[in-house]
C-alpha atoms as a PDB file:
ATOM      1  CA  UNK A   1       5.478 -13.457 -10.126  1.00  0.00           C
ATOM      2  CA  UNK A   2       8.676 -14.970  -8.792  1.00  0.00           C
ATOM      3  CA  UNK A   3       9.820 -13.465  -5.474  1.00  0.00           C
ATOM      4  CA  UNK A   4      12.935 -15.605  -5.023  1.00  0.00           C
ATOM      5  CA  UNK A   5      15.919 -13.766  -6.464  1.00  0.00           C
ATOM      6  CA  UNK A   6      13.918 -10.613  -7.213  1.00  0.00           C
ATOM      7  CA  UNK A   7      14.591  -7.032  -6.151  1.00  0.00           C
ATOM      8  CA  UNK A   8      11.823  -5.181  -4.307  1.00  0.00           C
ATOM      9  CA  UNK A   9      11.074  -1.791  -2.799  1.00  0.00           C
ATOM     10  CA  UNK A  10       8.607  -1.143   0.033  1.00  0.00           C
ATOM     11  CA  UNK A  11       7.577   2.421   0.812  1.00  0.00           C
ATOM     12  CA  UNK A  12       7.080   3.137   4.497  1.00  0.00           C
ATOM     13  CA  UNK A  13       8.848  -0.121   5.282  1.00  0.00           C
ATOM     14  CA  UNK A  14      10.373   0.740   8.630  1.00  0.00           C
ATOM     15  CA  UNK A  15       7.430  -0.282  10.826  1.00  0.00           C
ATOM     16  CA  UNK A  16       3.926  -1.747  10.875  1.00  0.00           C
ATOM     17  CA  UNK A  17       2.597  -3.352   7.718  1.00  0.00           C
ATOM     18  CA  UNK A  18       5.479  -1.983   5.669  1.00  0.00           C
ATOM     19  CA  UNK A  19       8.087  -3.687   7.811  1.00  0.00           C
ATOM     20  CA  UNK A  20       6.053  -6.908   7.665  1.00  0.00           C
ATOM     21  CA  UNK A  21       6.117  -6.664   3.851  1.00  0.00           C
ATOM     22  CA  UNK A  22       9.890  -6.186   3.890  1.00  0.00           C
ATOM     23  CA  UNK A  23      10.434  -9.112   6.266  1.00  0.00           C
ATOM     24  CA  UNK A  24       8.162 -11.359   4.166  1.00  0.00           C
ATOM     25  CA  UNK A  25      10.059 -10.501   0.983  1.00  0.00           C
ATOM     26  CA  UNK A  26      13.351 -11.389   2.655  1.00  0.00           C
ATOM     27  CA  UNK A  27      11.839 -14.607   4.001  1.00  0.00           C
ATOM     28  CA  UNK A  28      10.642 -15.562   0.515  1.00  0.00           C
ATOM     29  CA  UNK A  29      14.127 -15.171  -0.904  1.00  0.00           C
ATOM     30  CA  UNK A  30      14.194 -11.717  -2.462  1.00  0.00           C
ATOM     31  CA  UNK A  31      17.760 -10.889  -3.480  1.00  0.00           C
ATOM     32  CA  UNK A  32      17.482  -7.285  -2.307  1.00  0.00           C
ATOM     33  CA  UNK A  33      14.776  -5.305  -0.500  1.00  0.00           C
ATOM     34  CA  UNK A  34      14.882  -1.528  -0.567  1.00  0.00           C
ATOM     35  CA  UNK A  35      12.962   0.249   2.198  1.00  0.00           C
ATOM     36  CA  UNK A  36      11.842   3.732   1.206  1.00  0.00           C
ATOM     37  CA  UNK A  37      11.526   6.067   4.214  1.00  0.00           C
ATOM     38  CA  UNK A  38      11.923   9.762   4.989  1.00  0.00           C
ATOM     39  CA  UNK A  39      14.627   8.961   7.552  1.00  0.00           C
ATOM     40  CA  UNK A  40      16.899   6.031   6.598  1.00  0.00           C
ATOM     41  CA  UNK A  41      18.186   5.861  10.185  1.00  0.00           C
ATOM     42  CA  UNK A  42      14.701   4.714  11.260  1.00  0.00           C
ATOM     43  CA  UNK A  43      15.061   1.352   9.465  1.00  0.00           C
ATOM     44  CA  UNK A  44      15.805  -1.282  12.135  1.00  0.00           C
ATOM     45  CA  UNK A  45      16.780  -4.214   9.906  1.00  0.00           C
ATOM     46  CA  UNK A  46      20.335  -4.790   8.689  1.00  0.00           C
ATOM     47  CA  UNK A  47      19.372  -7.090   5.796  1.00  0.00           C
ATOM     48  CA  UNK A  48      17.450  -4.439   3.824  1.00  0.00           C
ATOM     49  CA  UNK A  49      18.661  -1.339   1.965  1.00  0.00           C
ATOM     50  CA  UNK A  50      17.305   1.987   3.277  1.00  0.00           C
ATOM     51  CA  UNK A  51      16.487   4.581   0.612  1.00  0.00           C
ATOM     52  CA  UNK A  52      15.505   8.151   1.423  1.00  0.00           C
ATOM     53  CA  UNK A  53      11.982   8.663   0.078  1.00  0.00           C
ATOM     54  CA  UNK A  54       9.271  11.194   0.795  1.00  0.00           C
ATOM     55  CA  UNK A  55       6.363  10.185  -1.452  1.00  0.00           C
ATOM     56  CA  UNK A  56       4.973  13.732  -1.402  1.00  0.00           C
ATOM     57  CA  UNK A  57       8.190  15.255  -2.786  1.00  0.00           C
ATOM     58  CA  UNK A  58       8.775  14.894  -6.534  1.00  0.00           C
ATOM     59  CA  UNK A  59      12.559  15.279  -6.293  1.00  0.00           C
ATOM     60  CA  UNK A  60      12.737  12.649  -3.551  1.00  0.00           C
ATOM     61  CA  UNK A  61      10.669  10.210  -5.615  1.00  0.00           C
ATOM     62  CA  UNK A  62      12.870  10.774  -8.675  1.00  0.00           C
ATOM     63  CA  UNK A  63      16.038  10.273  -6.631  1.00  0.00           C
ATOM     64  CA  UNK A  64      14.716   7.020  -5.163  1.00  0.00           C
ATOM     65  CA  UNK A  65      13.854   5.737  -8.634  1.00  0.00           C
ATOM     66  CA  UNK A  66      17.353   6.591  -9.829  1.00  0.00           C
ATOM     67  CA  UNK A  67      18.892   4.782  -6.856  1.00  0.00           C
ATOM     68  CA  UNK A  68      16.723   1.672  -7.184  1.00  0.00           C
ATOM     69  CA  UNK A  69      16.685   1.009 -10.899  1.00  0.00           C
ATOM     70  CA  UNK A  70      16.818  -2.767 -10.448  1.00  0.00           C
ATOM     71  CA  UNK A  71      13.400  -3.058  -8.775  1.00  0.00           C
ATOM     72  CA  UNK A  72      10.948  -5.682 -10.070  1.00  0.00           C
ATOM     73  CA  UNK A  73       8.451  -5.596  -7.184  1.00  0.00           C
ATOM     74  CA  UNK A  74       7.123  -2.282  -5.873  1.00  0.00           C
ATOM     75  CA  UNK A  75       4.935  -2.187  -2.763  1.00  0.00           C
ATOM     76  CA  UNK A  76       3.230   1.148  -2.125  1.00  0.00           C
ATOM     77  CA  UNK A  77       2.591   0.999   1.605  1.00  0.00           C
ATOM     78  CA  UNK A  78       3.401   4.519   2.890  1.00  0.00           C
ATOM     79  CA  UNK A  79       0.278   6.078   4.348  1.00  0.00           C
ATOM     80  CA  UNK A  80      -1.276   8.301   6.991  1.00  0.00           C
ATOM     81  CA  UNK A  81      -4.621   8.306   8.764  1.00  0.00           C
ATOM     82  CA  UNK A  82      -5.682  11.930   8.515  1.00  0.00           C
ATOM     83  CA  UNK A  83      -7.936  11.406  11.524  1.00  0.00           C
ATOM     84  CA  UNK A  84      -7.696  15.019  12.672  1.00  0.00           C
ATOM     85  CA  UNK A  85     -10.290  15.988  10.062  1.00  0.00           C
ATOM     86  CA  UNK A  86     -13.829  15.545  11.389  1.00  0.00           C
ATOM     87  CA  UNK A  87     -16.779  15.154   9.048  1.00  0.00           C
ATOM     88  CA  UNK A  88     -18.842  18.190  10.067  1.00  0.00           C
ATOM     89  CA  UNK A  89     -16.390  20.560  11.740  1.00  0.00           C
ATOM     90  CA  UNK A  90     -12.777  21.695  11.921  1.00  0.00           C
ATOM     91  CA  UNK A  91      -9.979  22.149   9.405  1.00  0.00           C
ATOM     92  CA  UNK A  92      -9.376  19.931   6.379  1.00  0.00           C
ATOM     93  CA  UNK A  93      -5.619  19.677   6.997  1.00  0.00           C
ATOM     94  CA  UNK A  94      -5.635  15.994   8.005  1.00  0.00           C
ATOM     95  CA  UNK A  95      -7.770  14.982   5.033  1.00  0.00           C
ATOM     96  CA  UNK A  96      -5.546  16.916   2.649  1.00  0.00           C
ATOM     97  CA  UNK A  97      -2.466  15.188   4.061  1.00  0.00           C
ATOM     98  CA  UNK A  98      -4.140  11.776   3.701  1.00  0.00           C
ATOM     99  CA  UNK A  99      -4.899  12.513   0.067  1.00  0.00           C
ATOM    100  CA  UNK A 100      -1.371  13.806  -0.571  1.00  0.00           C
ATOM    101  CA  UNK A 101       0.310  10.742   0.942  1.00  0.00           C
ATOM    102  CA  UNK A 102      -2.106   7.891   0.302  1.00  0.00           C
ATOM    103  CA  UNK A 103      -3.359   8.903  -3.147  1.00  0.00           C
ATOM    104  CA  UNK A 104      -0.980  11.343  -4.821  1.00  0.00           C
ATOM    105  CA  UNK A 105       2.067   9.759  -3.146  1.00  0.00           C
ATOM    106  CA  UNK A 106       1.130   6.306  -4.438  1.00  0.00           C
ATOM    107  CA  UNK A 107       0.475   7.795  -7.869  1.00  0.00           C
ATOM    108  CA  UNK A 108       3.830   9.589  -7.959  1.00  0.00           C
ATOM    109  CA  UNK A 109       5.804   6.495  -6.954  1.00  0.00           C
ATOM    110  CA  UNK A 110       3.898   4.324  -9.445  1.00  0.00           C
ATOM    111  CA  UNK A 111       4.650   6.795 -12.251  1.00  0.00           C
ATOM    112  CA  UNK A 112       8.344   6.893 -11.379  1.00  0.00           C
ATOM    113  CA  UNK A 113       8.790   3.130 -11.130  1.00  0.00           C
ATOM    114  CA  UNK A 114       6.509   1.902 -13.942  1.00  0.00           C
ATOM    115  CA  UNK A 115       9.258   2.298 -16.577  1.00  0.00           C
ATOM    116  CA  UNK A 116      11.710   0.543 -14.252  1.00  0.00           C
ATOM    117  CA  UNK A 117       9.326  -2.383 -13.824  1.00  0.00           C
ATOM    118  CA  UNK A 118       8.918  -2.529 -17.611  1.00  0.00           C
ATOM    119  CA  UNK A 119      12.693  -2.633 -18.166  1.00  0.00           C
ATOM    120  CA  UNK A 120      13.001  -5.393 -15.575  1.00  0.00           C
ATOM    121  CA  UNK A 121      10.478  -7.700 -17.214  1.00  0.00           C
ATOM    122  CA  UNK A 122       7.166  -6.273 -16.006  1.00  0.00           C
ATOM    123  CA  UNK A 123       7.280  -7.354 -12.387  1.00  0.00           C
ATOM    124  CA  UNK A 124       4.592  -6.381  -9.922  1.00  0.00           C
ATOM    125  CA  UNK A 125       3.123  -3.289  -8.291  1.00  0.00           C
ATOM    126  CA  UNK A 126       1.254  -3.706  -4.995  1.00  0.00           C
ATOM    127  CA  UNK A 127      -0.901  -1.002  -3.397  1.00  0.00           C
ATOM    128  CA  UNK A 128      -1.842  -1.300   0.278  1.00  0.00           C
ATOM    129  CA  UNK A 129      -5.505  -0.297   0.356  1.00  0.00           C
ATOM    130  CA  UNK A 130      -8.203  -0.819   3.014  1.00  0.00           C
ATOM    131  CA  UNK A 131     -11.732  -1.966   3.663  1.00  0.00           C
ATOM    132  CA  UNK A 132     -12.328   1.799   3.837  1.00  0.00           C
ATOM    133  CA  UNK A 133     -11.782   1.861   0.065  1.00  0.00           C
ATOM    134  CA  UNK A 134     -15.363   0.616  -0.174  1.00  0.00           C
ATOM    135  CA  UNK A 135     -17.030   1.974   2.985  1.00  0.00           C
ATOM    136  CA  UNK A 136     -17.489   5.673   3.800  1.00  0.00           C
ATOM    137  CA  UNK A 137     -16.405   6.454   7.361  1.00  0.00           C
ATOM    138  CA  UNK A 138     -17.907   9.343   9.382  1.00  0.00           C
ATOM    139  CA  UNK A 139     -15.198   8.772  12.034  1.00  0.00           C
ATOM    140  CA  UNK A 140     -12.285   9.222   9.591  1.00  0.00           C
ATOM    141  CA  UNK A 141     -13.721  10.541   6.317  1.00  0.00           C
ATOM    142  CA  UNK A 142     -10.435  11.886   4.949  1.00  0.00           C
ATOM    143  CA  UNK A 143      -8.673   8.537   5.241  1.00  0.00           C
ATOM    144  CA  UNK A 144     -11.586   6.643   3.699  1.00  0.00           C
ATOM    145  CA  UNK A 145     -11.815   9.069   0.782  1.00  0.00           C
ATOM    146  CA  UNK A 146      -8.078   8.773   0.129  1.00  0.00           C
ATOM    147  CA  UNK A 147      -8.329   4.974   0.101  1.00  0.00           C
ATOM    148  CA  UNK A 148     -11.321   5.072  -2.257  1.00  0.00           C
ATOM    149  CA  UNK A 149      -9.254   7.259  -4.580  1.00  0.00           C
ATOM    150  CA  UNK A 150      -6.307   4.901  -4.231  1.00  0.00           C
ATOM    151  CA  UNK A 151      -8.511   1.953  -5.149  1.00  0.00           C
ATOM    152  CA  UNK A 152      -9.613   3.743  -8.321  1.00  0.00           C
ATOM    153  CA  UNK A 153      -5.967   4.514  -9.080  1.00  0.00           C
ATOM    154  CA  UNK A 154      -5.052   0.860  -8.565  1.00  0.00           C
ATOM    155  CA  UNK A 155      -7.647  -0.227 -11.122  1.00  0.00           C
ATOM    156  CA  UNK A 156      -6.403   2.389 -13.600  1.00  0.00           C
ATOM    157  CA  UNK A 157      -2.802   1.229 -13.114  1.00  0.00           C
ATOM    158  CA  UNK A 158      -3.832  -2.396 -13.594  1.00  0.00           C
ATOM    159  CA  UNK A 159      -5.351  -1.554 -16.979  1.00  0.00           C
ATOM    160  CA  UNK A 160      -2.556   0.790 -18.048  1.00  0.00           C
ATOM    161  CA  UNK A 161       0.342  -1.490 -17.111  1.00  0.00           C
ATOM    162  CA  UNK A 162      -1.124  -4.743 -18.389  1.00  0.00           C
ATOM    163  CA  UNK A 163       0.586  -4.240 -21.745  1.00  0.00           C
ATOM    164  CA  UNK A 164       4.054  -4.103 -20.183  1.00  0.00           C
ATOM    165  CA  UNK A 165       3.404  -7.292 -18.220  1.00  0.00           C
ATOM    166  CA  UNK A 166       3.129  -5.704 -14.760  1.00  0.00           C
ATOM    167  CA  UNK A 167       0.942  -7.496 -12.231  1.00  0.00           C
ATOM    168  CA  UNK A 168      -0.979  -4.876 -10.194  1.00  0.00           C
ATOM    169  CA  UNK A 169      -2.294  -6.076  -6.828  1.00  0.00           C
ATOM    170  CA  UNK A 170      -4.690  -4.279  -4.483  1.00  0.00           C
ATOM    171  CA  UNK A 171      -4.514  -5.376  -0.830  1.00  0.00           C
ATOM    172  CA  UNK A 172      -7.571  -4.734   1.345  1.00  0.00           C
ATOM    173  CA  UNK A 173      -7.840  -5.222   5.102  1.00  0.00           C
ATOM    174  CA  UNK A 174      -9.884  -3.960   8.009  1.00  0.00           C
ATOM    175  CA  UNK A 175      -8.122  -3.087  11.228  1.00  0.00           C
ATOM    176  CA  UNK A 176      -4.510  -4.298  11.329  1.00  0.00           C
ATOM    177  CA  UNK A 177      -2.617  -4.431  14.616  1.00  0.00           C
ATOM    178  CA  UNK A 178      -0.313  -1.424  14.094  1.00  0.00           C
ATOM    179  CA  UNK A 179       0.150   2.051  15.542  1.00  0.00           C
ATOM    180  CA  UNK A 180      -2.393   3.422  13.063  1.00  0.00           C
ATOM    181  CA  UNK A 181      -5.203   1.395  14.660  1.00  0.00           C
ATOM    182  CA  UNK A 182      -4.076   1.701  18.287  1.00  0.00           C
ATOM    183  CA  UNK A 183      -7.054   3.959  19.035  1.00  0.00           C
ATOM    184  CA  UNK A 184      -9.618   1.138  18.707  1.00  0.00           C
ATOM    185  CA  UNK A 185     -10.247  -2.147  20.522  1.00  0.00           C
ATOM    186  CA  UNK A 186     -11.974  -3.635  17.469  1.00  0.00           C
ATOM    187  CA  UNK A 187     -10.786  -7.072  16.276  1.00  0.00           C
ATOM    188  CA  UNK A 188      -7.553  -6.828  14.294  1.00  0.00           C
ATOM    189  CA  UNK A 189      -5.421  -9.077  12.155  1.00  0.00           C
ATOM    190  CA  UNK A 190      -1.646  -9.082  12.288  1.00  0.00           C
ATOM    191  CA  UNK A 191       0.604  -7.229   9.870  1.00  0.00           C
ATOM    192  CA  UNK A 192       2.400 -10.534   9.243  1.00  0.00           C
ATOM    193  CA  UNK A 193      -0.873 -12.079   8.041  1.00  0.00           C
ATOM    194  CA  UNK A 194      -1.413  -9.251   5.556  1.00  0.00           C
ATOM    195  CA  UNK A 195       2.138  -9.578   4.290  1.00  0.00           C
ATOM    196  CA  UNK A 196       2.024 -13.343   3.868  1.00  0.00           C
ATOM    197  CA  UNK A 197      -1.306 -13.227   2.011  1.00  0.00           C
ATOM    198  CA  UNK A 198       0.223 -10.633  -0.289  1.00  0.00           C
ATOM    199  CA  UNK A 199       3.246 -12.820  -0.986  1.00  0.00           C
ATOM    200  CA  UNK A 200       0.874 -15.640  -1.886  1.00  0.00           C
ATOM    201  CA  UNK A 201      -1.019 -13.346  -4.276  1.00  0.00           C
ATOM    202  CA  UNK A 202       2.238 -12.359  -5.978  1.00  0.00           C
ATOM    203  CA  UNK A 203       3.334 -15.969  -6.366  1.00  0.00           C
ATOM    204  CA  UNK A 204      -0.072 -16.953  -7.770  1.00  0.00           C
ATOM    205  CA  UNK A 205      -0.451 -13.828  -9.980  1.00  0.00           C
ATOM    206  CA  UNK A 206      -3.643 -12.725  -8.245  1.00  0.00           C
ATOM    207  CA  UNK A 207      -4.927  -9.175  -8.620  1.00  0.00           C
ATOM    208  CA  UNK A 208      -6.530  -8.731  -5.212  1.00  0.00           C
ATOM    209  CA  UNK A 209      -6.044  -9.649  -1.554  1.00  0.00           C
ATOM    210  CA  UNK A 210      -9.020  -9.657   0.813  1.00  0.00           C
ATOM    211  CA  UNK A 211      -7.122 -10.191   4.027  1.00  0.00           C
ATOM    212  CA  UNK A 212      -9.955 -10.613   6.535  1.00  0.00           C
ATOM    213  CA  UNK A 213     -13.685 -11.099   6.940  1.00  0.00           C
ATOM    214  CA  UNK A 214     -14.265  -7.331   7.048  1.00  0.00           C
ATOM    215  CA  UNK A 215     -12.749  -6.809   3.624  1.00  0.00           C
ATOM    216  CA  UNK A 216     -14.529  -9.830   2.156  1.00  0.00           C
ATOM    217  CA  UNK A 217     -17.877  -8.617   3.522  1.00  0.00           C
ATOM    218  CA  UNK A 218     -17.305  -5.074   2.302  1.00  0.00           C
ATOM    219  CA  UNK A 219     -16.476  -6.286  -1.214  1.00  0.00           C
ATOM    220  CA  UNK A 220     -19.587  -8.482  -1.284  1.00  0.00           C
ATOM    221  CA  UNK A 221     -21.738  -5.582  -0.052  1.00  0.00           C
ATOM    222  CA  UNK A 222     -20.896  -3.410  -3.050  1.00  0.00           C
ATOM    223  CA  UNK A 223     -23.776  -4.983  -4.972  1.00  0.00           C
ATOM    224  CA  UNK A 224     -26.303  -4.288  -2.210  1.00  0.00           C
ATOM    225  CA  UNK A 225     -28.701  -1.314  -2.269  1.00  0.00           C
ATOM    226  CA  UNK A 226     -27.343   2.013  -1.060  1.00  0.00           C
ATOM    227  CA  UNK A 227     -27.943   2.343   2.684  1.00  0.00           C
ATOM    228  CA  UNK A 228     -27.608  -1.377   3.462  1.00  0.00           C
ATOM    229  CA  UNK A 229     -25.483  -2.206   6.554  1.00  0.00           C
ATOM    230  CA  UNK A 230     -21.750  -2.154   5.821  1.00  0.00           C
ATOM    231  CA  UNK A 231     -18.870  -4.241   7.137  1.00  0.00           C
ATOM    232  CA  UNK A 232     -17.276  -1.420   9.140  1.00  0.00           C
END
C-alpha cells in the first residue's frame, strides 16, 4: 500500500493513538488526512481535515462517507474502555457502550467505506485492536469482549474484501501511553510507536501488527492449553 499521495481517514483522530495515526500519515506524505470526530472543534492540527463522525450513529456515518469519498486508507481507531462494568456486579452500561463503539461502530464505518475503498483501487482498512482481543480480563471484561469481537470482525473483513483488493490490517498492543491507560502504572509503549509500526505494515502489505512484547506473547499463547498463564 502506498501512503505517499494517498487520502486517509482516521476515526477518533483528535488525541491519543488516533492523533498519532493522523500525524504519521501526514509525515509519510499522505495528500489529505480526514479526522473523524464527534466534535470537529476538538481537532488540534491545522494540516488535517476534521469530519463530524459519531460511529454509533448511522446517519453520521453515512454523512462522513459522503463527505470523504476520496479515501483510500481507513483507520478505525475510535474506541472506549467501558471500565464501569464490573465482572460480577453492577450495571452492564459500560460494556454495552464498549460493544456499540468498538465493535458495532467499527463494523458500521467499514460497511460505509468498503465501496469507497473499492472505487479508489482497493486501498487499506486498519482496525485498532488490543492484546485484550486474545486475553479475557476480569478487570475490564466489557472492553476485552468488544476487542475480541472486533478481532473476529477484522478477520471477516479481511476475507470479504480480499476480492476488491483491500488490505485489512489488525493492530494489537498492550498498554499504550494515552488517557485510556492512565489508571495503571504498568509498562506502556508510545502511541507514536504504534502508529509508525502500522505505517510500516501498510507499506509492506502486512496483515497484522504486534506492537509490543505483550501482544506477541498473547498471540503465541493462543496455542497453549486453556488456563495457562496469559500475557496480561
